Amino acid sequence: HYLGTGYVNPHSLICARLVSRDRRHPWGESLIVHRLKVAL
């Protein structure tokens, strides 16, 4: 079952970080733009 999208690093103890739980807005540049606008 889908939990979200993010990125992985197999060499790190924290091997993955979840960045988005929304299927419509997966991890990527457009999501970064949105999060920057929210933060700003």
PDB file of all heavy atoms in Angstrom:
ATOM      1  N   HIS A   1       0.833  -1.200   0.000  1.00  0.00           N
ATOM      2  CA  HIS A   1       0.000   0.000   0.000  1.00  0.00           C
ATOM      3  C   HIS A   1       0.870   1.254   0.000  1.00  0.00           C
ATOM      4  O   HIS A   1       1.889   1.315   0.706  1.00  0.00           O
ATOM      5  CB  HIS A   1      -0.931   0.013   1.213  1.00  0.00           C
ATOM      6  CG  HIS A   1      -1.874  -1.133   1.260  1.00  0.00           C
ATOM      7  ND1 HIS A   1      -2.223  -1.793   2.419  1.00  0.00           N
ATOM      8  CD2 HIS A   1      -2.549  -1.769   0.258  1.00  0.00           C
ATOM      9  CE1 HIS A   1      -3.071  -2.761   2.146  1.00  0.00           C
ATOM     10  NE2 HIS A   1      -3.279  -2.763   0.836  1.00  0.00           N
ATOM     11  N   TYR A   2       0.448   2.244  -0.746  1.00  0.00           N
ATOM     12  CA  TYR A   2       1.192   3.491  -0.919  1.00  0.00           C
ATOM     13  C   TYR A   2       1.273   4.268   0.391  1.00  0.00           C
ATOM     14  O   TYR A   2       0.266   4.488   1.063  1.00  0.00           O
ATOM     15  CB  TYR A   2       0.487   4.330  -1.986  1.00  0.00           C
ATOM     16  CG  TYR A   2       1.047   5.708  -2.233  1.00  0.00           C
ATOM     17  CD1 TYR A   2       2.030   5.910  -3.192  1.00  0.00           C
ATOM     18  CD2 TYR A   2       0.570   6.818  -1.534  1.00  0.00           C
ATOM     19  CE1 TYR A   2       2.535   7.180  -3.440  1.00  0.00           C
ATOM     20  CE2 TYR A   2       1.079   8.094  -1.776  1.00  0.00           C
ATOM     21  CZ  TYR A   2       2.052   8.254  -2.733  1.00  0.00           C
ATOM     22  OH  TYR A   2       2.546   9.518  -2.975  1.00  0.00           O
ATOM     23  N   LEU A   3       2.467   4.693   0.746  1.00  0.00           N
ATOM     24  CA  LEU A   3       2.679   5.575   1.891  1.00  0.00           C
ATOM     25  C   LEU A   3       3.117   6.970   1.469  1.00  0.00           C
ATOM     26  O   LEU A   3       2.800   7.953   2.138  1.00  0.00           O
ATOM     27  CB  LEU A   3       3.735   4.982   2.828  1.00  0.00           C
ATOM     28  CG  LEU A   3       3.380   3.652   3.512  1.00  0.00           C
ATOM     29  CD1 LEU A   3       4.584   3.109   4.267  1.00  0.00           C
ATOM     30  CD2 LEU A   3       2.197   3.827   4.456  1.00  0.00           C
ATOM     31  N   GLY A   4       3.857   7.049   0.378  1.00  0.00           N
ATOM     32  CA  GLY A   4       4.320   8.345  -0.096  1.00  0.00           C
ATOM     33  C   GLY A   4       5.535   8.188  -0.987  1.00  0.00           C
ATOM     34  O   GLY A   4       5.971   7.074  -1.296  1.00  0.00           O
ATOM     35  N   THR A   5       6.086   9.331  -1.392  1.00  0.00           N
ATOM     36  CA  THR A   5       7.300   9.318  -2.207  1.00  0.00           C
ATOM     37  C   THR A   5       8.406  10.078  -1.480  1.00  0.00           C
ATOM     38  O   THR A   5       8.155  10.935  -0.626  1.00  0.00           O
ATOM     39  CB  THR A   5       7.064   9.948  -3.590  1.00  0.00           C
ATOM     40  OG1 THR A   5       6.575  11.297  -3.414  1.00  0.00           O
ATOM     41  CG2 THR A   5       6.062   9.142  -4.394  1.00  0.00           C
ATOM     42  N   GLY A   6       9.632   9.730  -1.827  1.00  0.00           N
ATOM     43  CA  GLY A   6      10.774  10.379  -1.203  1.00  0.00           C
ATOM     44  C   GLY A   6      12.043   9.951  -1.895  1.00  0.00           C
ATOM     45  O   GLY A   6      12.043   9.701  -3.106  1.00  0.00           O
ATOM     46  N   TYR A   7      13.097   9.834  -1.135  1.00  0.00           N
ATOM     47  CA  TYR A   7      14.364   9.425  -1.730  1.00  0.00           C
ATOM     48  C   TYR A   7      15.097   8.485  -0.779  1.00  0.00           C
ATOM     49  O   TYR A   7      14.795   8.407   0.415  1.00  0.00           O
ATOM     50  CB  TYR A   7      15.217  10.630  -2.109  1.00  0.00           C
ATOM     51  CG  TYR A   7      15.502  11.613  -0.984  1.00  0.00           C
ATOM     52  CD1 TYR A   7      16.484  11.343  -0.030  1.00  0.00           C
ATOM     53  CD2 TYR A   7      14.829  12.828  -0.908  1.00  0.00           C
ATOM     54  CE1 TYR A   7      16.767  12.241   0.980  1.00  0.00           C
ATOM     55  CE2 TYR A   7      15.102  13.734   0.111  1.00  0.00           C
ATOM     56  CZ  TYR A   7      16.075  13.440   1.045  1.00  0.00           C
ATOM     57  OH  TYR A   7      16.344  14.327   2.050  1.00  0.00           O
ATOM     58  N   VAL A   8      16.073   7.767  -1.332  1.00  0.00           N
ATOM     59  CA  VAL A   8      16.735   6.701  -0.605  1.00  0.00           C
ATOM     60  C   VAL A   8      18.246   6.895  -0.619  1.00  0.00           C
ATOM     61  O   VAL A   8      18.795   7.508  -1.546  1.00  0.00           O
ATOM     62  CB  VAL A   8      16.358   5.319  -1.222  1.00  0.00           C
ATOM     63  CG1 VAL A   8      16.932   5.198  -2.619  1.00  0.00           C
ATOM     64  CG2 VAL A   8      16.828   4.163  -0.356  1.00  0.00           C
ATOM     65  N   ASN A   9      18.891   6.394   0.435  1.00  0.00           N
ATOM     66  CA  ASN A   9      20.349   6.283   0.451  1.00  0.00           C
ATOM     67  C   ASN A   9      20.694   4.964   1.127  1.00  0.00           C
ATOM     68  O   ASN A   9      20.616   4.848   2.361  1.00  0.00           O
ATOM     69  CB  ASN A   9      21.004   7.440   1.201  1.00  0.00           C
ATOM     70  CG  ASN A   9      22.524   7.420   1.068  1.00  0.00           C
ATOM     71  OD1 ASN A   9      23.107   6.412   0.679  1.00  0.00           O
ATOM     72  ND2 ASN A   9      23.166   8.530   1.402  1.00  0.00           N
ATOM     73  N   PRO A  10      21.057   3.953   0.365  1.00  0.00           N
ATOM     74  CA  PRO A  10      21.293   2.625   0.942  1.00  0.00           C
ATOM     75  C   PRO A  10      22.486   2.574   1.888  1.00  0.00           C
ATOM     76  O   PRO A  10      22.643   1.602   2.627  1.00  0.00           O
ATOM     77  CB  PRO A  10      21.544   1.752  -0.295  1.00  0.00           C
ATOM     78  CG  PRO A  10      22.028   2.692  -1.346  1.00  0.00           C
ATOM     79  CD  PRO A  10      21.286   3.972  -1.095  1.00  0.00           C
ATOM     80  N   HIS A  11      23.333   3.595   1.890  1.00  0.00           N
ATOM     81  CA  HIS A  11      24.530   3.587   2.716  1.00  0.00           C
ATOM     82  C   HIS A  11      24.349   4.325   4.047  1.00  0.00           C
ATOM     83  O   HIS A  11      25.304   4.422   4.823  1.00  0.00           O
ATOM     84  CB  HIS A  11      25.698   4.208   1.956  1.00  0.00           C
ATOM     85  CG  HIS A  11      25.928   3.597   0.605  1.00  0.00           C
ATOM     86  ND1 HIS A  11      26.037   2.240   0.416  1.00  0.00           N
ATOM     87  CD2 HIS A  11      26.043   4.166  -0.626  1.00  0.00           C
ATOM     88  CE1 HIS A  11      26.224   1.985  -0.871  1.00  0.00           C
ATOM     89  NE2 HIS A  11      26.227   3.136  -1.520  1.00  0.00           N
ATOM     90  N   SER A  12      23.154   4.840   4.301  1.00  0.00           N
ATOM     91  CA  SER A  12      22.902   5.620   5.502  1.00  0.00           C
ATOM     92  C   SER A  12      21.967   4.867   6.443  1.00  0.00           C
ATOM     93  O   SER A  12      21.104   4.112   5.999  1.00  0.00           O
ATOM     94  CB  SER A  12      22.282   6.971   5.130  1.00  0.00           C
ATOM     95  OG  SER A  12      21.930   7.706   6.284  1.00  0.00           O
ATOM     96  N   LEU A  13      22.142   5.085   7.758  1.00  0.00           N
ATOM     97  CA  LEU A  13      21.241   4.473   8.732  1.00  0.00           C
ATOM     98  C   LEU A  13      19.809   4.921   8.479  1.00  0.00           C
ATOM     99  O   LEU A  13      18.881   4.104   8.503  1.00  0.00           O
ATOM    100  CB  LEU A  13      21.669   4.844  10.153  1.00  0.00           C
ATOM    101  CG  LEU A  13      20.759   4.343  11.279  1.00  0.00           C
ATOM    102  CD1 LEU A  13      20.709   2.825  11.308  1.00  0.00           C
ATOM    103  CD2 LEU A  13      21.221   4.901  12.622  1.00  0.00           C
ATOM    104  N   ILE A  14      19.625   6.224   8.250  1.00  0.00           N
ATOM    105  CA  ILE A  14      18.325   6.714   7.781  1.00  0.00           C
ATOM    106  C   ILE A  14      18.339   6.501   6.278  1.00  0.00           C
ATOM    107  O   ILE A  14      18.852   7.319   5.517  1.00  0.00           O
ATOM    108  CB  ILE A  14      18.118   8.199   8.122  1.00  0.00           C
ATOM    109  CG1 ILE A  14      18.253   8.427   9.630  1.00  0.00           C
ATOM    110  CG2 ILE A  14      16.740   8.672   7.646  1.00  0.00           C
ATOM    111  CD1 ILE A  14      18.212   9.891  10.031  1.00  0.00           C
ATOM    112  N   CYS A  15      17.792   5.370   5.844  1.00  0.00           N
ATOM    113  CA  CYS A  15      17.991   4.965   4.453  1.00  0.00           C
ATOM    114  C   CYS A  15      16.980   5.595   3.499  1.00  0.00           C
ATOM    115  O   CYS A  15      17.160   5.518   2.285  1.00  0.00           O
ATOM    116  CB  CYS A  15      17.958   3.441   4.325  1.00  0.00           C
ATOM    117  SG  CYS A  15      16.327   2.730   4.547  1.00  0.00           S
ATOM    118  N   ALA A  16      15.918   6.187   4.025  1.00  0.00           N
ATOM    119  CA  ALA A  16      14.949   6.854   3.153  1.00  0.00           C
ATOM    120  C   ALA A  16      14.254   7.959   3.924  1.00  0.00           C
ATOM    121  O   ALA A  16      14.108   7.886   5.150  1.00  0.00           O
ATOM    122  CB  ALA A  16      13.934   5.859   2.604  1.00  0.00           C
ATOM    123  N   ARG A  17      13.822   8.973   3.190  1.00  0.00           N
ATOM    124  CA  ARG A  17      13.082  10.090   3.778  1.00  0.00           C
ATOM    125  C   ARG A  17      11.836  10.321   2.947  1.00  0.00           C
ATOM    126  O   ARG A  17      11.910  10.504   1.736  1.00  0.00           O
ATOM    127  CB  ARG A  17      13.953  11.342   3.844  1.00  0.00           C
ATOM    128  CG  ARG A  17      15.182  11.114   4.739  1.00  0.00           C
ATOM    129  CD  ARG A  17      16.128  12.293   4.745  1.00  0.00           C
ATOM    130  NE  ARG A  17      17.421  11.907   5.298  1.00  0.00           N
ATOM    131  CZ  ARG A  17      17.868  12.261   6.507  1.00  0.00           C
ATOM    132  NH1 ARG A  17      17.119  12.998   7.289  1.00  0.00           N
ATOM    133  NH2 ARG A  17      19.053  11.865   6.924  1.00  0.00           N
ATOM    134  N   LEU A  18      10.714  10.316   3.626  1.00  0.00           N
ATOM    135  CA  LEU A  18       9.431  10.542   2.967  1.00  0.00           C
ATOM    136  C   LEU A  18       9.232  12.044   2.802  1.00  0.00           C
ATOM    137  O   LEU A  18       9.357  12.794   3.769  1.00  0.00           O
ATOM    138  CB  LEU A  18       8.313   9.927   3.804  1.00  0.00           C
ATOM    139  CG  LEU A  18       6.913   9.859   3.187  1.00  0.00           C
ATOM    140  CD1 LEU A  18       6.132   8.693   3.803  1.00  0.00           C
ATOM    141  CD2 LEU A  18       6.137  11.148   3.392  1.00  0.00           C
ATOM    142  N   VAL A  19       8.931  12.470   1.586  1.00  0.00           N
ATOM    143  CA  VAL A  19       8.786  13.893   1.322  1.00  0.00           C
ATOM    144  C   VAL A  19       7.354  14.271   0.975  1.00  0.00           C
ATOM    145  O   VAL A  19       6.881  15.351   1.302  1.00  0.00           O
ATOM    146  CB  VAL A  19       9.743  14.347   0.191  1.00  0.00           C
ATOM    147  CG1 VAL A  19       9.662  15.848  -0.007  1.00  0.00           C
ATOM    148  CG2 VAL A  19      11.177  13.943   0.504  1.00  0.00           C
ATOM    149  N   SER A  20       6.612  13.377   0.334  1.00  0.00           N
ATOM    150  CA  SER A  20       5.232  13.687  -0.040  1.00  0.00           C
ATOM    151  C   SER A  20       4.336  12.478   0.201  1.00  0.00           C
ATOM    152  O   SER A  20       4.691  11.348  -0.150  1.00  0.00           O
ATOM    153  CB  SER A  20       5.152  14.101  -1.509  1.00  0.00           C
ATOM    154  OG  SER A  20       3.798  14.296  -1.907  1.00  0.00           O
ATOM    155  N   ARG A  21       3.160  12.720   0.767  1.00  0.00           N
ATOM    156  CA  ARG A  21       2.155  11.669   0.947  1.00  0.00           C
ATOM    157  C   ARG A  21       1.058  11.756  -0.115  1.00  0.00           C
ATOM    158  O   ARG A  21       0.141  10.944  -0.129  1.00  0.00           O
ATOM    159  CB  ARG A  21       1.527  11.780   2.340  1.00  0.00           C
ATOM    160  CG  ARG A  21       2.534  11.679   3.474  1.00  0.00           C
ATOM    161  CD  ARG A  21       1.861  11.881   4.835  1.00  0.00           C
ATOM    162  NE  ARG A  21       2.861  12.030   5.890  1.00  0.00           N
ATOM    163  CZ  ARG A  21       3.386  11.012   6.575  1.00  0.00           C
ATOM    164  NH1 ARG A  21       2.986   9.782   6.306  1.00  0.00           N
ATOM    165  NH2 ARG A  21       4.290  11.227   7.517  1.00  0.00           N
ATOM    166  N   ASP A  22       1.135  12.761  -0.968  1.00  0.00           N
ATOM    167  CA  ASP A  22       0.112  13.031  -1.979  1.00  0.00           C
ATOM    168  C   ASP A  22       0.546  12.433  -3.325  1.00  0.00           C
ATOM    169  O   ASP A  22       1.571  12.838  -3.879  1.00  0.00           O
ATOM    170  CB  ASP A  22      -0.084  14.539  -2.110  1.00  0.00           C
ATOM    171  CG  ASP A  22      -1.306  14.919  -2.932  1.00  0.00           C
ATOM    172  OD1 ASP A  22      -1.752  14.095  -3.758  1.00  0.00           O
ATOM    173  OD2 ASP A  22      -1.805  16.047  -2.757  1.00  0.00           O
ATOM    174  N   ARG A  23      -0.240  11.502  -3.843  1.00  0.00           N
ATOM    175  CA  ARG A  23       0.090  10.888  -5.130  1.00  0.00           C
ATOM    176  C   ARG A  23       0.180  11.918  -6.256  1.00  0.00           C
ATOM    177  O   ARG A  23       0.919  11.738  -7.224  1.00  0.00           O
ATOM    178  CB  ARG A  23      -0.974   9.848  -5.506  1.00  0.00           C
ATOM    179  CG  ARG A  23      -1.000   8.612  -4.624  1.00  0.00           C
ATOM    180  CD  ARG A  23      -2.104   7.684  -5.079  1.00  0.00           C
ATOM    181  NE  ARG A  23      -2.243   6.510  -4.239  1.00  0.00           N
ATOM    182  CZ  ARG A  23      -1.585   5.377  -4.420  1.00  0.00           C
ATOM    183  NH1 ARG A  23      -0.738   5.262  -5.435  1.00  0.00           N
ATOM    184  NH2 ARG A  23      -1.766   4.344  -3.610  1.00  0.00           N
ATOM    185  N   ARG A  24      -0.595  12.973  -6.129  1.00  0.00           N
ATOM    186  CA  ARG A  24      -0.639  13.992  -7.197  1.00  0.00           C
ATOM    187  C   ARG A  24       0.614  14.865  -7.209  1.00  0.00           C
ATOM    188  O   ARG A  24       0.879  15.555  -8.203  1.00  0.00           O
ATOM    189  CB  ARG A  24      -1.872  14.881  -7.025  1.00  0.00           C
ATOM    190  CG  ARG A  24      -3.199  14.146  -7.100  1.00  0.00           C
ATOM    191  CD  ARG A  24      -4.327  15.039  -6.631  1.00  0.00           C
ATOM    192  NE  ARG A  24      -4.118  15.458  -5.244  1.00  0.00           N
ATOM    193  CZ  ARG A  24      -4.876  16.355  -4.618  1.00  0.00           C
ATOM    194  NH1 ARG A  24      -5.873  16.960  -5.259  1.00  0.00           N
ATOM    195  NH2 ARG A  24      -4.631  16.669  -3.355  1.00  0.00           N
ATOM    196  N   HIS A  25       1.350  14.854  -6.117  1.00  0.00           N
ATOM    197  CA  HIS A  25       2.525  15.726  -6.004  1.00  0.00           C
ATOM    198  C   HIS A  25       3.716  14.920  -5.491  1.00  0.00           C
ATOM    199  O   HIS A  25       4.101  15.025  -4.323  1.00  0.00           O
ATOM    200  CB  HIS A  25       2.235  16.898  -5.069  1.00  0.00           C
ATOM    201  CG  HIS A  25       1.062  17.723  -5.481  1.00  0.00           C
ATOM    202  ND1 HIS A  25       1.097  18.554  -6.578  1.00  0.00           N
ATOM    203  CD2 HIS A  25      -0.189  17.821  -4.972  1.00  0.00           C
ATOM    204  CE1 HIS A  25      -0.082  19.153  -6.720  1.00  0.00           C
ATOM    205  NE2 HIS A  25      -0.882  18.714  -5.759  1.00  0.00           N
ATOM    206  N   PRO A  26       4.318  14.115  -6.363  1.00  0.00           N
ATOM    207  CA  PRO A  26       5.461  13.302  -5.952  1.00  0.00           C
ATOM    208  C   PRO A  26       6.707  14.161  -5.747  1.00  0.00           C
ATOM    209  O   PRO A  26       6.762  15.334  -6.129  1.00  0.00           O
ATOM    210  CB  PRO A  26       5.639  12.335  -7.125  1.00  0.00           C
ATOM    211  CG  PRO A  26       5.126  13.098  -8.308  1.00  0.00           C
ATOM    212  CD  PRO A  26       3.974  13.921  -7.786  1.00  0.00           C
ATOM    213  N   TRP A  27       7.700  13.541  -5.141  1.00  0.00           N
ATOM    214  CA  TRP A  27       8.974  14.197  -4.902  1.00  0.00           C
ATOM    215  C   TRP A  27       9.601  14.644  -6.216  1.00  0.00           C
ATOM    216  O   TRP A  27       9.734  13.867  -7.159  1.00  0.00           O
ATOM    217  CB  TRP A  27       9.902  13.229  -4.174  1.00  0.00           C
ATOM    218  CG  TRP A  27      11.354  13.612  -4.127  1.00  0.00           C
ATOM    219  CD1 TRP A  27      12.400  12.845  -4.529  1.00  0.00           C
ATOM    220  CD2 TRP A  27      11.917  14.825  -3.634  1.00  0.00           C
ATOM    221  NE1 TRP A  27      13.584  13.497  -4.319  1.00  0.00           N
ATOM    222  CE2 TRP A  27      13.329  14.726  -3.777  1.00  0.00           C
ATOM    223  CE3 TRP A  27      11.378  15.999  -3.097  1.00  0.00           C
ATOM    224  CZ2 TRP A  27      14.191  15.736  -3.394  1.00  0.00           C
ATOM    225  CZ3 TRP A  27      12.246  17.009  -2.729  1.00  0.00           C
ATOM    226  CH2 TRP A  27      13.627  16.881  -2.857  1.00  0.00           C
ATOM    227  N   GLY A  28       9.945  15.936  -6.297  1.00  0.00           N
ATOM    228  CA  GLY A  28      10.558  16.483  -7.497  1.00  0.00           C
ATOM    229  C   GLY A  28      10.568  17.997  -7.449  1.00  0.00           C
ATOM    230  O   GLY A  28      10.167  18.617  -6.451  1.00  0.00           O
ATOM    231  N   GLU A  29      11.004  18.620  -8.536  1.00  0.00           N
ATOM    232  CA  GLU A  29      11.192  20.073  -8.541  1.00  0.00           C
ATOM    233  C   GLU A  29       9.897  20.828  -8.304  1.00  0.00           C
ATOM    234  O   GLU A  29       9.877  21.828  -7.579  1.00  0.00           O
ATOM    235  CB  GLU A  29      11.809  20.511  -9.878  1.00  0.00           C
ATOM    236  CG  GLU A  29      12.079  22.000  -9.949  1.00  0.00           C
ATOM    237  CD  GLU A  29      12.707  22.419 -11.261  1.00  0.00           C
ATOM    238  OE1 GLU A  29      13.316  21.564 -11.941  1.00  0.00           O
ATOM    239  OE2 GLU A  29      12.582  23.613 -11.612  1.00  0.00           O
ATOM    240  N   SER A  30       8.790  20.387  -8.903  1.00  0.00           N
ATOM    241  CA  SER A  30       7.534  21.116  -8.720  1.00  0.00           C
ATOM    242  C   SER A  30       7.091  21.088  -7.264  1.00  0.00           C
ATOM    243  O   SER A  30       6.525  22.074  -6.756  1.00  0.00           O
ATOM    244  CB  SER A  30       6.438  20.530  -9.618  1.00  0.00           C
ATOM    245  OG  SER A  30       6.174  19.178  -9.279  1.00  0.00           O
ATOM    246  N   LEU A  31       7.347  19.979  -6.572  1.00  0.00           N
ATOM    247  CA  LEU A  31       7.010  19.918  -5.157  1.00  0.00           C
ATOM    248  C   LEU A  31       7.894  20.864  -4.354  1.00  0.00           C
ATOM    249  O   LEU A  31       7.420  21.526  -3.412  1.00  0.00           O
ATOM    250  CB  LEU A  31       7.167  18.488  -4.638  1.00  0.00           C
ATOM    251  CG  LEU A  31       6.826  18.289  -3.155  1.00  0.00           C
ATOM    252  CD1 LEU A  31       5.346  18.532  -2.911  1.00  0.00           C
ATOM    253  CD2 LEU A  31       7.220  16.894  -2.688  1.00  0.00           C
ATOM    254  N   ILE A  32       9.168  20.965  -4.721  1.00  0.00           N
ATOM    255  CA  ILE A  32      10.063  21.894  -4.033  1.00  0.00           C
ATOM    256  C   ILE A  32       9.560  23.325  -4.183  1.00  0.00           C
ATOM    257  O   ILE A  32       9.539  24.097  -3.217  1.00  0.00           O
ATOM    258  CB  ILE A  32      11.500  21.767  -4.575  1.00  0.00           C
ATOM    259  CG1 ILE A  32      12.077  20.390  -4.239  1.00  0.00           C
ATOM    260  CG2 ILE A  32      12.391  22.861  -3.997  1.00  0.00           C
ATOM    261  CD1 ILE A  32      13.451  20.133  -4.835  1.00  0.00           C
ATOM    262  N   VAL A  33       9.118  23.690  -5.378  1.00  0.00           N
ATOM    263  CA  VAL A  33       8.572  25.031  -5.604  1.00  0.00           C
ATOM    264  C   VAL A  33       7.402  25.280  -4.667  1.00  0.00           C
ATOM    265  O   VAL A  33       7.308  26.335  -4.014  1.00  0.00           O
ATOM    266  CB  VAL A  33       8.141  25.208  -7.077  1.00  0.00           C
ATOM    267  CG1 VAL A  33       7.340  26.502  -7.248  1.00  0.00           C
ATOM    268  CG2 VAL A  33       9.357  25.223  -7.995  1.00  0.00           C
ATOM    269  N   HIS A  34       6.500  24.312  -4.572  1.00  0.00           N
ATOM    270  CA  HIS A  34       5.328  24.470  -3.701  1.00  0.00           C
ATOM    271  C   HIS A  34       5.739  24.612  -2.244  1.00  0.00           C
ATOM    272  O   HIS A  34       5.249  25.520  -1.534  1.00  0.00           O
ATOM    273  CB  HIS A  34       4.402  23.262  -3.872  1.00  0.00           C
ATOM    274  CG  HIS A  34       3.270  23.234  -2.888  1.00  0.00           C
ATOM    275  ND1 HIS A  34       2.244  24.148  -2.919  1.00  0.00           N
ATOM    276  CD2 HIS A  34       3.030  22.405  -1.829  1.00  0.00           C
ATOM    277  CE1 HIS A  34       1.398  23.896  -1.932  1.00  0.00           C
ATOM    278  NE2 HIS A  34       1.856  22.853  -1.249  1.00  0.00           N
ATOM    279  N   ARG A  35       6.650  23.771  -1.788  1.00  0.00           N
ATOM    280  CA  ARG A  35       7.059  23.830  -0.382  1.00  0.00           C
ATOM    281  C   ARG A  35       7.789  25.145  -0.082  1.00  0.00           C
ATOM    282  O   ARG A  35       7.653  25.701   1.022  1.00  0.00           O
ATOM    283  CB  ARG A  35       7.957  22.626  -0.060  1.00  0.00           C
ATOM    284  CG  ARG A  35       7.225  21.281  -0.162  1.00  0.00           C
ATOM    285  CD  ARG A  35       6.457  20.966   1.097  1.00  0.00           C
ATOM    286  NE  ARG A  35       5.518  19.872   0.894  1.00  0.00           N
ATOM    287  CZ  ARG A  35       5.820  18.582   0.945  1.00  0.00           C
ATOM    288  NH1 ARG A  35       7.077  18.220   1.160  1.00  0.00           N
ATOM    289  NH2 ARG A  35       4.886  17.668   0.788  1.00  0.00           N
ATOM    290  N   LEU A  36       8.567  25.640  -1.028  1.00  0.00           N
ATOM    291  CA  LEU A  36       9.233  26.928  -0.829  1.00  0.00           C
ATOM    292  C   LEU A  36       8.217  28.058  -0.699  1.00  0.00           C
ATOM    293  O   LEU A  36       8.373  28.957   0.142  1.00  0.00           O
ATOM    294  CB  LEU A  36      10.184  27.222  -1.989  1.00  0.00           C
ATOM    295  CG  LEU A  36      11.469  26.403  -2.066  1.00  0.00           C
ATOM    296  CD1 LEU A  36      12.244  26.758  -3.336  1.00  0.00           C
ATOM    297  CD2 LEU A  36      12.344  26.629  -0.845  1.00  0.00           C
ATOM    298  N   LYS A  37       7.168  28.015  -1.506  1.00  0.00           N
ATOM    299  CA  LYS A  37       6.131  29.047  -1.418  1.00  0.00           C
ATOM    300  C   LYS A  37       5.426  29.007  -0.072  1.00  0.00           C
ATOM    301  O   LYS A  37       5.128  30.057   0.524  1.00  0.00           O
ATOM    302  CB  LYS A  37       5.130  28.879  -2.561  1.00  0.00           C
ATOM    303  CG  LYS A  37       5.681  29.227  -3.934  1.00  0.00           C
ATOM    304  CD  LYS A  37       4.624  29.018  -5.022  1.00  0.00           C
ATOM    305  CE  LYS A  37       5.153  29.426  -6.381  1.00  0.00           C
ATOM    306  NZ  LYS A  37       4.146  29.192  -7.466  1.00  0.00           N
ATOM    307  N   VAL A  38       5.158  27.812   0.422  1.00  0.00           N
ATOM    308  CA  VAL A  38       4.513  27.663   1.733  1.00  0.00           C
ATOM    309  C   VAL A  38       5.422  28.192   2.832  1.00  0.00           C
ATOM    310  O   VAL A  38       4.985  28.914   3.743  1.00  0.00           O
ATOM    311  CB  VAL A  38       4.144  26.186   1.976  1.00  0.00           C
ATOM    312  CG1 VAL A  38       3.652  25.982   3.411  1.00  0.00           C
ATOM    313  CG2 VAL A  38       3.078  25.727   0.989  1.00  0.00           C
ATOM    314  N   ALA A  39       6.702  27.845   2.761  1.00  0.00           N
ATOM    315  CA  ALA A  39       7.662  28.314   3.757  1.00  0.00           C
ATOM    316  C   ALA A  39       7.813  29.833   3.710  1.00  0.00           C
ATOM    317  O   ALA A  39       7.865  30.503   4.754  1.00  0.00           O
ATOM    318  CB  ALA A  39       9.015  27.639   3.525  1.00  0.00           C
ATOM    319  N   LEU A  40       7.874  30.378   2.512  1.00  0.00           N
ATOM    320  CA  LEU A  40       8.023  31.825   2.348  1.00  0.00           C
ATOM    321  C   LEU A  40       6.817  32.569   2.925  1.00  0.00           C
ATOM    322  O   LEU A  40       6.973  33.594   3.599  1.00  0.00           O
ATOM    323  CB  LEU A  40       8.197  32.160   0.869  1.00  0.00           C
ATOM    324  CG  LEU A  40       8.334  33.649   0.516  1.00  0.00           C
ATOM    325  CD1 LEU A  40       9.571  34.239   1.168  1.00  0.00           C
ATOM    326  CD2 LEU A  40       8.388  33.831  -1.000  1.00  0.00           C
TER     327      LEU A  40
END
